[in-house]
Structures are given as structure tokens and as C-alpha cells.
């Protein structure tokens, strides 16, 4: 599972530890295109000061199970 929604995140056991201590702000740029191919108009979404968009997130480490190999 990789999507945590703000509606109810506090009631989910899965996100309990990350919500306490594994918060992160991810600077992002969002691009979209209207149309297709070479004629598509591309748009960059940013705030009024042309800064990157801050996205809230939670993180955790994942390590593969070496016994599964």
C-alpha cells in the first residue's frame, strides 16, 4: 500500500508510526499537456512566485526479504 489519504489516516494502524515521525515535504513540479503529439501545448503548474509545489508525504524504509531468494 502506498497511498495515505488525509481522511482517516489517523485511524489506520498501517500509518501510525510514519504519521508520528516519518513526515516529509517533497518539492515537485507538475506538468500537463493539452492535445496530442507535436501539437500538444504543455503547461507547468507552479505557485504565484514560480516556486516548486510542496507536497506532503510519509516515508518508510523497505528492504527485500533475503530468505525469499
Protein backbone atom coordinates (compact mmCIF):
# COMPACT_ATOMS: atom_id res chain seq x y z
CA UNK A 1 0.00 0.00 0.00
CA UNK A 2 1.49 3.36 -0.91
CA UNK A 3 -1.32 5.94 -0.80
CA UNK A 4 -2.30 7.51 2.50
CA UNK A 5 -5.35 9.75 2.43
CA UNK A 6 -5.78 12.53 4.95
CA UNK A 7 -9.37 11.42 5.57
CA UNK A 8 -8.90 8.72 8.17
CA UNK A 9 -5.11 8.39 8.20
CA UNK A 10 -5.12 8.75 11.98
CA UNK A 11 -7.37 5.69 12.32
CA UNK A 12 -5.16 3.36 10.23
CA UNK A 13 -2.67 1.21 12.12
CA UNK A 14 -0.52 0.95 8.97
CA UNK A 15 0.34 4.68 9.05
CA UNK A 16 0.53 5.16 12.83
CA UNK A 17 4.35 5.18 13.20
CA UNK A 18 5.01 7.10 9.98
CA UNK A 19 2.50 9.78 10.95
CA UNK A 20 4.41 10.36 14.19
CA UNK A 21 7.98 10.56 12.90
CA UNK A 22 8.35 9.98 9.14
CA UNK A 23 6.87 13.09 7.57
CA UNK A 24 8.42 14.72 4.53
CA UNK A 25 7.83 17.70 2.24
CA UNK A 26 8.51 16.81 -1.39
CA UNK A 27 9.26 19.75 -3.71
CA UNK A 28 7.57 18.97 -7.01
CA UNK A 29 6.70 20.40 -10.38
CA UNK A 30 3.54 19.32 -12.12
CA UNK A 31 3.33 19.28 -15.89
CA UNK A 32 0.37 18.53 -18.12
CA UNK A 33 -0.31 18.63 -21.83
CA UNK A 34 -3.41 19.64 -23.73
CA UNK A 35 -3.61 17.91 -27.08
CA UNK A 36 -1.56 15.10 -28.57
CA UNK A 37 1.77 14.63 -30.26
CA UNK A 38 3.85 17.52 -31.56
CA UNK A 39 0.86 19.88 -31.42
CA UNK A 40 0.31 19.42 -27.69
CA UNK A 41 0.52 22.53 -25.57
CA UNK A 42 2.47 21.85 -22.40
CA UNK A 43 1.71 23.60 -19.13
CA UNK A 44 3.80 23.81 -15.97
CA UNK A 45 1.83 24.31 -12.77
CA UNK A 46 3.51 26.31 -10.03
CA UNK A 47 2.60 28.77 -7.33
CA UNK A 48 2.30 32.53 -7.86
CA UNK A 49 6.02 33.02 -7.13
CA UNK A 50 7.07 30.35 -9.65
CA UNK A 51 8.32 28.08 -6.89
CA UNK A 52 8.10 24.31 -6.74
CA UNK A 53 4.90 22.90 -5.23
CA UNK A 54 5.33 21.47 -1.72
CA UNK A 55 3.63 18.07 -1.37
CA UNK A 56 3.17 16.41 2.00
CA UNK A 57 4.21 12.81 2.36
CA UNK A 58 5.06 9.94 4.66
CA UNK A 59 8.07 7.71 4.14
CA UNK A 60 9.35 4.35 5.33
CA UNK A 61 12.22 2.01 4.52
CA UNK A 62 11.65 -1.21 2.65
CA UNK A 63 14.20 -3.97 2.45
CA UNK A 64 13.77 -7.14 0.41
CA UNK A 65 13.37 -10.40 2.25
CA UNK A 66 16.68 -12.19 1.60
CA UNK A 67 15.13 -15.55 2.55
CA UNK A 68 12.78 -15.28 -0.45
CA UNK A 69 15.65 -15.61 -2.95
